[in-house]
Amino acid sequence: MNSRRTFLYKSAVAGSGLILSPHFAFARSSGQEMLRVGLIGIGLRGTNHLKNLLLRDDVSIAAICDIDPVRVDLNLELIQKASQKKPRVFGKNDYDYRNLLELKDLDAVIISTPWEWHVKMAVDAMKAGKYAGLEVSAATTMEGCWDLVRTHEATGTHLMILENVNYRRDVMAVLNMVRQGVFGELMHFRCGYQHDLRFVKFNDGKSAYGKGAEFGEKGISESKWRTQYSLDRNADVYPTHGLGPVAVMCDINRGNQFESLTSHATKSRGLHNYIVETGGQDHPNADLKFKLGDVITTTIDTANGETILITHDTNLPRPYSLGFRVQGTKGLWEVDGNRMYIEGETEGHQWEPADFWLDKHDHPLWRKFGEYAEGSGHGGMDFFVLNAFVESAKRKIAPPMDAYDAAAWSAVTPLSEQSIAQGGAPQKFPDFTGGKWKTRKPYRWIKDTF
């Protein structure tokens, strides 16, 4: 990002007070002027957050924490190049992050660690009074989901699940169409995480992108921990990228809720074949038995009568897609094929390219700030999700995606696991809001007035 763009990025954020509140509203900046942030976990994702935070003039990096000294040195170098003061450094052991949370000159933390650490770290952060930003998925067990909700309620400290896909440009345009009634009454959604991650789950033990059959202690980056979930669990272990945007569209936890789900799994072949292909038939990992079915299919029923079909597909060769489909009584949008059909508006009973519709209904946030989002990561959506976190934390207000959302979206993992184990038997969703979903206001956006 060149110096002009950096200037524009900082000036736009500071001057506009852009915020994505639970109403997707614009608001003038209020609360403290400078947010003091700590980062727990500075691997690839945490480093991306750091780079974006360093572009802001309303954030200071107070502390960083990671048990990998190589990552610590890399991030300290980035902070030095940005002419920021050297932060406090933690990481002498797995629990040194708790010493970071004791800092008095720290307002908020961003947690970007392996999944098994998410709940304990977020719970500790809320108990310490630190505004918590938590990477996805937020929790992998039902107990963990409840821990997030109960700790938030007991402490009054906020938690934001950092689901960046909710801010993808096409997703927000379709949300805009949903709010304007273009699709009519909502009926059905499809979504998922369909992404060939074999090269992430395995490598050559020398590079995160080196093609090989190693993982765990011999692996690099995510292969150190992520692959283990394919060995141990048969579930949708990563539901929120697809489910988060859909949940907002149908007002989950705000006038609607997930009622129940059923899940099914195919057999597991993809990872074994990949090991044999890259490491050979005699490689020790070729004898492993993976529990995770190559394709996990989950159907959710909602209180308001919609259905949601979620697909998890990461162990087979395929192009990337989150598989979005939004369907109502007047028409539908499908991301695959980039196509739209609106009765009476599109010609005949035929699909037409979605570009016209997505541009016409481009969300006001993207229309005004899309330029500044360029280069922030994942097509610009990282700018919006991080900005929502920073502005919410500065104001000490509820974030747009809160502890109740983190719990409801993440609960798909343990519930799908139970359903698959019971031959596809229906599983009831808990009401994490304790009935408040009936009166909580839906997400809305309000156009900027200045």
Protein backbone atom coordinates (compact mmCIF):
# COMPACT_ATOMS: atom_id res chain seq x y z
CA MET A 1 0.00 0.00 0.00
CA ASN A 2 1.69 3.25 -1.12
CA SER A 3 2.01 6.38 1.01
CA ARG A 4 -0.93 8.12 -0.66
CA ARG A 5 -3.20 5.16 -0.04
CA THR A 6 -1.95 4.92 3.53
CA PHE A 7 -2.83 8.57 4.03
CA LEU A 8 -6.27 8.09 2.51
CA TYR A 9 -6.85 4.96 4.58
CA LYS A 10 -6.00 6.71 7.83
CA SER A 11 -7.82 9.93 7.01
CA ALA A 12 -11.01 8.19 5.90
CA VAL A 13 -11.21 6.06 9.01
CA ALA A 14 -10.37 8.85 11.44
CA GLY A 15 -12.60 11.42 9.77
CA SER A 16 -15.66 9.32 9.13
CA GLY A 17 -15.86 7.40 12.36
CA LEU A 18 -17.02 4.47 10.24
CA ILE A 19 -18.64 1.79 12.33
CA LEU A 20 -20.56 -1.38 11.67
CA SER A 21 -22.81 -1.51 14.70
CA PRO A 22 -25.56 -4.07 15.29
CA HIS A 23 -27.51 -1.80 12.91
CA PHE A 24 -24.72 -1.57 10.30
CA ALA A 25 -24.84 2.17 10.94
CA PHE A 26 -22.53 5.04 10.21
CA ALA A 27 -21.83 7.14 13.28
CA ARG A 28 -19.53 9.97 14.24
CA SER A 29 -16.48 8.87 16.14
CA SER A 30 -16.94 8.84 19.88
CA GLY A 31 -15.32 7.23 22.91
CA GLN A 32 -11.55 7.17 23.40
CA GLU A 33 -9.31 8.49 20.64
CA MET A 34 -6.65 5.77 20.82
CA LEU A 35 -7.28 2.05 21.24
CA ARG A 36 -4.46 0.08 22.86
CA VAL A 37 -4.49 -3.40 21.33
CA GLY A 38 -2.71 -6.64 22.13
CA LEU A 39 -2.37 -9.54 19.70
CA ILE A 40 -2.44 -13.11 21.00
CA GLY A 41 -1.22 -15.38 18.22
CA ILE A 42 0.77 -13.77 15.41
CA GLY A 43 0.98 -16.50 12.84
CA LEU A 44 -0.21 -15.77 9.30
CA ARG A 45 -3.65 -14.52 10.36
CA GLY A 46 -2.45 -12.56 13.37
CA THR A 47 0.26 -10.91 11.28
CA ASN A 48 -2.36 -9.84 8.73
CA HIS A 49 -4.32 -8.17 11.53
CA LEU A 50 -1.16 -6.46 12.74
CA LYS A 51 -0.38 -5.06 9.29
CA ASN A 52 -3.86 -3.57 9.02
CA LEU A 53 -3.76 -2.14 12.54
CA LEU A 54 -0.45 -0.46 11.77
CA LEU A 55 -2.14 1.51 8.99
CA ARG A 56 -4.45 3.20 11.50
CA ASP A 57 -3.66 6.34 13.47
CA ASP A 58 -6.19 5.51 16.21
CA VAL A 59 -4.56 2.25 17.34
CA SER A 60 -1.36 1.53 19.23
CA ILE A 61 0.09 -1.96 19.57
CA ALA A 62 0.59 -2.39 23.31
CA ALA A 63 1.61 -6.06 23.37
CA ILE A 64 2.12 -9.17 21.25
CA CYS A 65 2.17 -12.82 22.29
CA ASP A 66 3.32 -15.98 20.52
CA ILE A 67 5.34 -19.02 21.58
CA ASP A 68 7.18 -18.98 18.21
CA PRO A 69 10.16 -16.59 18.48
CA VAL A 70 10.42 -16.38 14.68
CA ARG A 71 6.92 -14.92 14.48
CA VAL A 72 7.66 -12.54 17.33
CA ASP A 73 10.79 -11.20 15.60
CA LEU A 74 8.95 -10.80 12.30
CA ASN A 75 6.14 -8.80 13.91
CA LEU A 76 8.53 -6.65 15.95
CA GLU A 77 10.25 -5.74 12.70
CA LEU A 78 6.91 -4.73 11.14
CA ILE A 79 6.10 -2.57 14.15
CA GLN A 80 9.52 -0.91 14.03
CA LYS A 81 9.16 -0.16 10.31
CA ALA A 82 5.82 1.50 11.07
CA SER A 83 7.63 3.77 13.54
CA GLN A 84 5.57 2.54 16.47
CA LYS A 85 6.89 2.06 19.98
CA LYS A 86 8.12 -1.46 20.73
CA PRO A 87 5.30 -3.40 22.43
CA ARG A 88 5.55 -5.66 25.45
CA VAL A 89 6.36 -9.20 24.32
CA PHE A 90 4.92 -12.41 25.80
CA GLY A 91 5.31 -16.04 24.85
CA LYS A 92 7.64 -17.80 27.25
CA ASN A 93 5.05 -20.59 27.58
CA ASP A 94 1.51 -21.52 26.50
CA TYR A 95 -0.09 -19.49 29.30
CA ASP A 96 2.03 -16.35 29.16
CA TYR A 97 -0.88 -14.66 27.39
CA ARG A 98 -2.49 -14.34 30.83
CA ASN A 99 0.32 -12.00 31.84
CA LEU A 100 -0.46 -9.93 28.76
CA LEU A 101 -4.09 -9.70 29.87
CA GLU A 102 -3.00 -8.25 33.22
CA LEU A 103 -1.59 -5.14 31.56
CA LYS A 104 -3.42 -2.02 32.68
CA ASP A 105 -2.49 -0.05 29.55
CA LEU A 106 -4.37 -2.50 27.30
CA ASP A 107 -7.95 -2.04 26.07
CA ALA A 108 -8.57 -4.87 23.61
CA VAL A 109 -7.08 -8.09 22.29
CA ILE A 110 -7.28 -9.96 19.01
CA ILE A 111 -6.99 -13.74 19.33
CA SER A 112 -5.66 -15.60 16.27
CA THR A 113 -4.48 -18.90 17.71
CA PRO A 114 -5.31 -22.57 16.94
CA TRP A 115 -8.97 -23.39 17.55
CA GLU A 116 -8.45 -25.35 20.76
CA TRP A 117 -7.19 -22.17 22.47
CA HIS A 118 -9.97 -19.84 21.34
CA VAL A 119 -12.44 -20.32 24.18
CA LYS A 120 -9.99 -20.33 27.08
CA MET A 121 -8.22 -17.24 25.77
CA ALA A 122 -11.45 -15.36 25.04
CA VAL A 123 -12.87 -16.26 28.45
CA ASP A 124 -9.69 -15.09 30.16
CA ALA A 125 -9.75 -11.86 28.14
CA MET A 126 -13.34 -11.06 29.09
CA LYS A 127 -12.64 -11.83 32.75
CA ALA A 128 -9.71 -9.42 32.56
CA GLY A 129 -12.02 -6.73 31.17
CA LYS A 130 -10.40 -6.68 27.72
CA TYR A 131 -12.61 -6.24 24.67
CA ALA A 132 -12.04 -9.49 22.76
CA GLY A 133 -11.83 -10.07 19.02
CA LEU A 134 -11.89 -13.81 18.31
CA GLU A 135 -10.99 -15.51 15.06
CA VAL A 136 -13.16 -18.26 13.60
CA SER A 137 -14.40 -20.72 14.50
CA ALA A 138 -15.02 -19.33 17.97
CA ALA A 139 -15.59 -22.69 19.70
CA THR A 140 -15.44 -26.39 18.81
CA THR A 141 -17.53 -27.83 21.67
CA MET A 142 -20.95 -27.07 23.13
CA GLU A 143 -19.36 -26.39 26.49
CA GLY A 144 -17.10 -23.85 24.82
CA CYS A 145 -20.05 -22.11 23.18
CA TRP A 146 -21.76 -21.75 26.54
CA ASP A 147 -18.53 -20.55 28.19
CA LEU A 148 -18.34 -17.62 25.74
CA VAL A 149 -21.94 -16.59 26.39
CA ARG A 150 -21.89 -17.02 30.15
CA THR A 151 -18.60 -15.18 30.56
CA HIS A 152 -19.87 -12.27 28.49
CA GLU A 153 -23.04 -12.09 30.56
CA ALA A 154 -21.19 -12.43 33.88
CA THR A 155 -18.51 -9.85 33.13
CA GLY A 156 -20.33 -7.43 30.81
CA THR A 157 -17.23 -7.49 28.62
CA HIS A 158 -17.86 -7.77 24.89
CA LEU A 159 -16.70 -10.41 22.44
CA MET A 160 -16.70 -10.01 18.65
CA ILE A 161 -16.34 -13.01 16.36
CA LEU A 162 -14.11 -11.79 13.51
CA GLU A 163 -16.03 -13.36 10.63
CA ASN A 164 -14.66 -11.41 7.69
CA VAL A 165 -16.90 -13.00 5.02
CA ASN A 166 -19.85 -11.06 6.45
CA TYR A 167 -18.19 -7.99 4.90
CA ARG A 168 -17.48 -9.43 1.46
CA ARG A 169 -18.70 -7.03 -1.19
CA ASP A 170 -21.13 -9.35 -2.96
CA VAL A 171 -22.43 -10.66 0.37
CA MET A 172 -23.18 -7.14 1.60
CA ALA A 173 -24.84 -6.23 -1.69
CA VAL A 174 -27.11 -9.27 -1.36
CA LEU A 175 -27.79 -8.33 2.27
CA ASN A 176 -28.83 -4.94 0.95
CA MET A 177 -31.19 -6.65 -1.52
CA VAL A 178 -32.60 -8.80 1.30
CA ARG A 179 -33.32 -5.72 3.41
CA GLN A 180 -35.01 -4.01 0.45
CA GLY A 181 -37.24 -7.02 -0.18
CA VAL A 182 -35.88 -7.76 -3.66
CA PHE A 183 -36.04 -11.52 -3.03
CA GLY A 184 -39.44 -11.35 -1.33
CA GLU A 185 -40.00 -13.45 1.76
CA LEU A 186 -36.91 -15.52 2.48
CA MET A 187 -37.25 -19.29 2.15
CA HIS A 188 -33.96 -21.10 1.66
CA PHE A 189 -30.18 -20.58 1.89
CA ARG A 190 -27.15 -22.56 0.86
CA CYS A 191 -23.61 -21.91 1.99
CA GLY A 192 -20.50 -23.67 3.20
CA TYR A 193 -16.76 -23.92 3.17
CA GLN A 194 -15.63 -25.63 -0.02
CA HIS A 195 -11.88 -25.14 -0.24
CA ASP A 196 -9.13 -27.60 -1.12
CA LEU A 197 -6.92 -27.37 1.99
CA ARG A 198 -4.79 -30.45 1.48
CA PHE A 199 -1.72 -28.28 0.90
CA VAL A 200 -2.49 -26.49 4.21
CA LYS A 201 -3.08 -29.65 6.21
CA PHE A 202 0.10 -31.28 4.93
CA ASN A 203 3.48 -29.97 3.79
CA ASP A 204 7.07 -31.04 3.37
CA GLY A 205 8.04 -30.06 6.90
CA LYS A 206 10.14 -27.18 5.56
CA SER A 207 7.61 -24.70 4.18
CA ALA A 208 3.91 -24.06 4.79
CA TYR A 209 3.45 -24.26 1.03
CA GLY A 210 5.82 -27.14 0.33
CA LYS A 211 3.89 -30.10 -1.03
CA GLY A 212 4.36 -33.08 1.26
CA ALA A 213 2.77 -35.55 3.67
CA GLU A 214 3.90 -34.14 7.04
CA PHE A 215 1.77 -32.58 9.81
CA GLY A 216 1.78 -32.23 13.58
CA GLU A 217 5.22 -31.83 15.14
CA LYS A 218 6.82 -32.24 11.72
CA GLY A 219 4.46 -29.76 10.06
CA ILE A 220 4.60 -26.02 9.48
CA SER A 221 1.96 -23.39 10.25
CA GLU A 222 -1.63 -24.73 10.28
CA SER A 223 -0.55 -28.27 9.50
CA LYS A 224 0.83 -28.39 13.05
CA TRP A 225 -2.69 -28.41 14.50
CA ARG A 226 -5.49 -28.23 11.91
CA THR A 227 -4.93 -31.67 10.42
CA GLN A 228 -5.56 -33.31 13.78
CA TYR A 229 -9.25 -32.36 13.54
CA SER A 230 -9.56 -34.49 10.42
CA LEU A 231 -8.15 -37.41 12.37
CA ASP A 232 -10.27 -36.98 15.48
CA ARG A 233 -13.69 -35.63 14.45
CA ASN A 234 -16.42 -36.32 11.92
CA ALA A 235 -18.21 -32.97 11.87
CA ASP A 236 -18.47 -29.64 10.10
CA VAL A 237 -15.41 -28.26 11.85
CA TYR A 238 -15.43 -24.86 10.11
CA PRO A 239 -18.98 -23.58 9.56
CA THR A 240 -18.89 -19.82 10.10
CA HIS A 241 -17.53 -18.50 6.78
CA GLY A 242 -20.71 -19.60 5.04
CA LEU A 243 -23.15 -19.55 7.93
CA GLY A 244 -22.27 -16.12 9.35
CA PRO A 245 -23.49 -14.09 6.36
CA VAL A 246 -26.63 -16.21 6.01
CA ALA A 247 -27.39 -15.92 9.73
CA VAL A 248 -27.34 -12.12 9.43
CA MET A 249 -29.63 -12.19 6.39
CA CYS A 250 -32.27 -14.19 8.24
CA ASP A 251 -31.85 -12.33 11.55
CA ILE A 252 -30.60 -15.20 13.70
CA ASN A 253 -30.56 -14.17 17.39
CA ARG A 254 -32.55 -11.07 16.41
CA GLY A 255 -36.10 -12.15 15.70
CA ASN A 256 -35.19 -15.62 14.50
CA GLN A 257 -33.13 -18.56 15.75
CA PHE A 258 -31.69 -21.88 14.68
CA GLU A 259 -34.07 -24.64 15.78
CA SER A 260 -32.44 -27.94 14.81
CA LEU A 261 -30.09 -29.60 12.36
CA THR A 262 -29.35 -32.91 10.69
CA SER A 263 -25.94 -33.84 9.29
CA HIS A 264 -24.47 -36.53 7.08
CA ALA A 265 -20.91 -37.42 6.08
CA THR A 266 -19.37 -39.22 3.14
CA LYS A 267 -16.55 -41.70 3.56
CA SER A 268 -13.01 -40.37 3.94
CA ARG A 269 -10.59 -40.81 1.05
CA GLY A 270 -9.10 -37.44 0.09
CA LEU A 271 -6.36 -37.04 2.71
CA HIS A 272 -5.17 -40.64 2.42
CA ASN A 273 -4.90 -40.30 -1.35
CA TYR A 274 -2.99 -37.03 -0.93
CA ILE A 275 -0.50 -38.61 1.47
CA VAL A 276 0.14 -41.49 -0.94
CA GLU A 277 0.46 -39.10 -3.88
CA THR A 278 2.99 -36.83 -2.16
CA GLY A 279 4.74 -39.10 0.33
CA GLY A 280 4.36 -42.52 -1.18
CA GLN A 281 2.47 -45.67 -0.19
CA ASP A 282 5.11 -46.47 2.46
CA HIS A 283 4.94 -43.11 4.21
CA PRO A 284 4.02 -43.60 7.92
CA ASN A 285 1.02 -41.29 7.57
CA ALA A 286 -0.43 -43.50 4.82
CA ASP A 287 -1.68 -45.88 7.53
CA LEU A 288 -3.71 -43.20 9.37
CA LYS A 289 -7.49 -43.52 9.52
CA PHE A 290 -9.19 -40.15 9.16
CA LYS A 291 -12.59 -39.71 10.81
CA LEU A 292 -13.64 -36.60 8.92
CA GLY A 293 -15.84 -37.40 5.96
CA ASP A 294 -14.69 -35.69 2.80
CA VAL A 295 -18.04 -33.92 2.36
CA ILE A 296 -20.20 -32.99 5.35
CA THR A 297 -23.75 -31.86 4.59
CA THR A 298 -25.87 -30.13 7.25
CA THR A 299 -29.44 -28.85 7.06
CA ILE A 300 -30.72 -26.31 9.60
CA ASP A 301 -34.35 -25.44 10.32
CA THR A 302 -35.05 -21.94 11.67
CA ALA A 303 -37.84 -20.69 13.92
CA ASN A 304 -39.22 -18.56 11.10
CA GLY A 305 -39.47 -21.46 8.67
CA GLU A 306 -36.38 -21.09 6.49
CA THR A 307 -33.92 -23.89 5.75
CA ILE A 308 -30.15 -23.56 5.48
CA LEU A 309 -27.96 -26.13 3.70
CA ILE A 310 -24.27 -26.04 4.74
CA THR A 311 -21.47 -27.98 3.05
CA HIS A 312 -17.98 -28.59 4.44
CA ASP A 313 -15.61 -29.87 1.72
CA THR A 314 -11.86 -29.31 2.28
CA ASN A 315 -10.14 -32.64 1.63
CA LEU A 316 -10.87 -33.21 -2.07
CA PRO A 317 -9.58 -31.49 -5.22
CA ARG A 318 -11.96 -28.65 -6.10
CA PRO A 319 -12.09 -24.90 -6.87
CA TYR A 320 -12.83 -22.55 -3.97
CA SER A 321 -16.44 -21.60 -3.27
CA LEU A 322 -18.57 -20.71 -0.27
CA GLY A 323 -21.55 -21.96 -2.27
CA PHE A 324 -23.94 -19.12 -1.43
CA ARG A 325 -27.56 -19.25 -2.52
CA VAL A 326 -30.22 -16.87 -1.21
CA GLN A 327 -33.79 -17.71 -2.27
CA GLY A 328 -37.12 -16.05 -1.58
CA THR A 329 -40.62 -15.85 -2.98
CA LYS A 330 -39.54 -13.42 -5.74
CA GLY A 331 -36.22 -14.82 -6.87
CA LEU A 332 -32.74 -15.97 -5.94
CA TRP A 333 -28.99 -15.36 -6.17
CA GLU A 334 -26.31 -18.00 -6.60
CA VAL A 335 -22.64 -17.17 -6.21
CA ASP A 336 -21.48 -20.12 -8.33
CA GLY A 337 -22.00 -18.92 -11.86
CA ASN A 338 -22.46 -15.38 -10.53
CA ARG A 339 -26.13 -15.45 -11.46
CA MET A 340 -29.43 -13.87 -10.47
CA TYR A 341 -33.09 -14.45 -11.17
CA ILE A 342 -35.80 -11.99 -10.06
CA GLU A 343 -39.34 -12.72 -11.22
CA GLY A 344 -40.66 -10.01 -13.50
CA GLU A 345 -37.30 -8.27 -13.60
CA THR A 346 -34.99 -10.73 -15.35
CA GLU A 347 -35.91 -11.86 -18.85
CA GLY A 348 -38.09 -14.96 -19.02
CA HIS A 349 -37.30 -17.92 -16.80
CA GLN A 350 -33.58 -17.53 -17.33
CA TRP A 351 -30.57 -16.68 -15.24
CA GLU A 352 -28.77 -13.44 -15.91
CA PRO A 353 -25.32 -12.31 -14.74
CA ALA A 354 -25.51 -10.96 -11.20
CA ASP A 355 -23.11 -8.06 -11.80
CA PHE A 356 -25.86 -5.55 -12.68
CA TRP A 357 -27.79 -6.37 -9.51
CA LEU A 358 -24.77 -6.43 -7.23
CA ASP A 359 -23.61 -3.07 -8.56
CA LYS A 360 -27.09 -1.54 -8.32
CA HIS A 361 -27.44 -2.67 -4.70
CA ASP A 362 -23.80 -2.23 -3.70
CA HIS A 363 -23.78 -1.62 0.05
CA PRO A 364 -23.20 2.03 1.09
CA LEU A 365 -20.18 0.98 3.15
CA TRP A 366 -18.49 -0.44 0.08
CA ARG A 367 -19.52 2.45 -2.14
CA LYS A 368 -17.87 4.94 0.19
CA PHE A 369 -14.92 3.02 1.59
CA GLY A 370 -14.14 0.31 -0.96
CA GLU A 371 -11.09 2.20 -2.18
CA TYR A 372 -9.55 2.24 1.28
CA ALA A 373 -10.20 -1.47 1.78
CA GLU A 374 -7.96 -2.44 -1.12
CA GLY A 375 -4.88 -4.34 -0.03
CA SER A 376 -6.21 -5.15 3.44
CA GLY A 377 -6.61 -8.85 2.66
CA HIS A 378 -9.30 -11.23 1.38
CA GLY A 379 -10.55 -8.82 -1.25
CA GLY A 380 -10.92 -5.91 1.15
CA MET A 381 -13.26 -7.47 3.68
CA ASP A 382 -10.49 -7.58 6.30
CA PHE A 383 -10.60 -3.77 6.41
CA PHE A 384 -14.29 -3.73 7.33
CA VAL A 385 -14.26 -6.49 9.93
CA LEU A 386 -11.22 -5.04 11.70
CA ASN A 387 -12.63 -1.53 11.55
CA ALA A 388 -15.89 -2.75 13.09
CA PHE A 389 -13.90 -4.29 15.92
CA VAL A 390 -11.78 -1.19 16.56
CA GLU A 391 -14.68 1.26 16.49
CA SER A 392 -16.89 -0.94 18.67
CA ALA A 393 -14.07 -1.40 21.18
CA LYS A 394 -13.32 2.35 21.27
CA ARG A 395 -16.96 3.04 22.12
CA LYS A 396 -17.20 0.08 24.50
CA ILE A 397 -20.45 -0.97 22.82
CA ALA A 398 -21.79 -4.31 21.59
CA PRO A 399 -20.14 -5.41 18.35
CA PRO A 400 -22.10 -6.33 15.22
CA MET A 401 -21.30 -10.03 15.67
CA ASP A 402 -21.34 -10.81 19.37
CA ALA A 403 -20.93 -13.67 21.85
CA TYR A 404 -24.40 -15.03 21.07
CA ASP A 405 -23.56 -15.16 17.36
CA ALA A 406 -20.19 -16.76 18.07
CA ALA A 407 -21.94 -19.48 20.07
CA ALA A 408 -24.83 -20.13 17.68
CA TRP A 409 -22.69 -20.26 14.55
CA SER A 410 -19.98 -22.40 16.17
CA ALA A 411 -22.50 -24.82 17.72
CA VAL A 412 -22.86 -26.41 14.28
CA THR A 413 -19.60 -28.29 14.91
CA PRO A 414 -20.62 -30.31 18.01
CA LEU A 415 -24.24 -30.69 16.86
CA SER A 416 -23.23 -31.97 13.41
CA GLU A 417 -20.85 -34.41 15.07
CA GLN A 418 -23.66 -35.78 17.22
CA SER A 419 -26.06 -36.02 14.30
CA ILE A 420 -23.56 -37.90 12.11
CA ALA A 421 -22.74 -40.29 14.97
CA GLN A 422 -26.46 -40.99 15.37
CA GLY A 423 -27.09 -41.71 11.70
CA GLY A 424 -28.36 -38.25 10.81
CA ALA A 425 -30.67 -37.85 13.81
CA PRO A 426 -32.01 -34.29 14.41
CA GLN A 427 -30.20 -32.22 17.05
CA LYS A 428 -31.82 -29.32 18.90
CA PHE A 429 -29.99 -25.98 19.08
CA PRO A 430 -29.73 -24.42 22.54
CA ASP A 431 -31.15 -20.94 22.94
CA PHE A 432 -27.97 -19.12 23.86
CA THR A 433 -29.85 -15.82 24.22
CA GLY A 434 -32.20 -17.13 26.91
CA GLY A 435 -35.22 -15.96 24.95
CA LYS A 436 -33.83 -12.53 24.10
CA TRP A 437 -33.75 -13.43 20.41
CA LYS A 438 -37.47 -12.67 20.29
CA THR A 439 -36.98 -8.97 21.08
CA ARG A 440 -33.43 -8.18 19.96
CA LYS A 441 -33.45 -5.82 16.97
CA PRO A 442 -32.31 -7.15 13.57
CA TYR A 443 -29.21 -5.96 11.81
CA ARG A 444 -29.90 -2.83 9.80
CA TRP A 445 -27.80 -0.24 8.02
CA ILE A 446 -28.47 3.49 8.01
CA LYS A 447 -27.08 5.67 5.25
CA ASP A 448 -24.39 8.19 6.14
CA THR A 449 -25.83 11.67 6.68
CA PHE A 450 -22.65 13.76 6.53
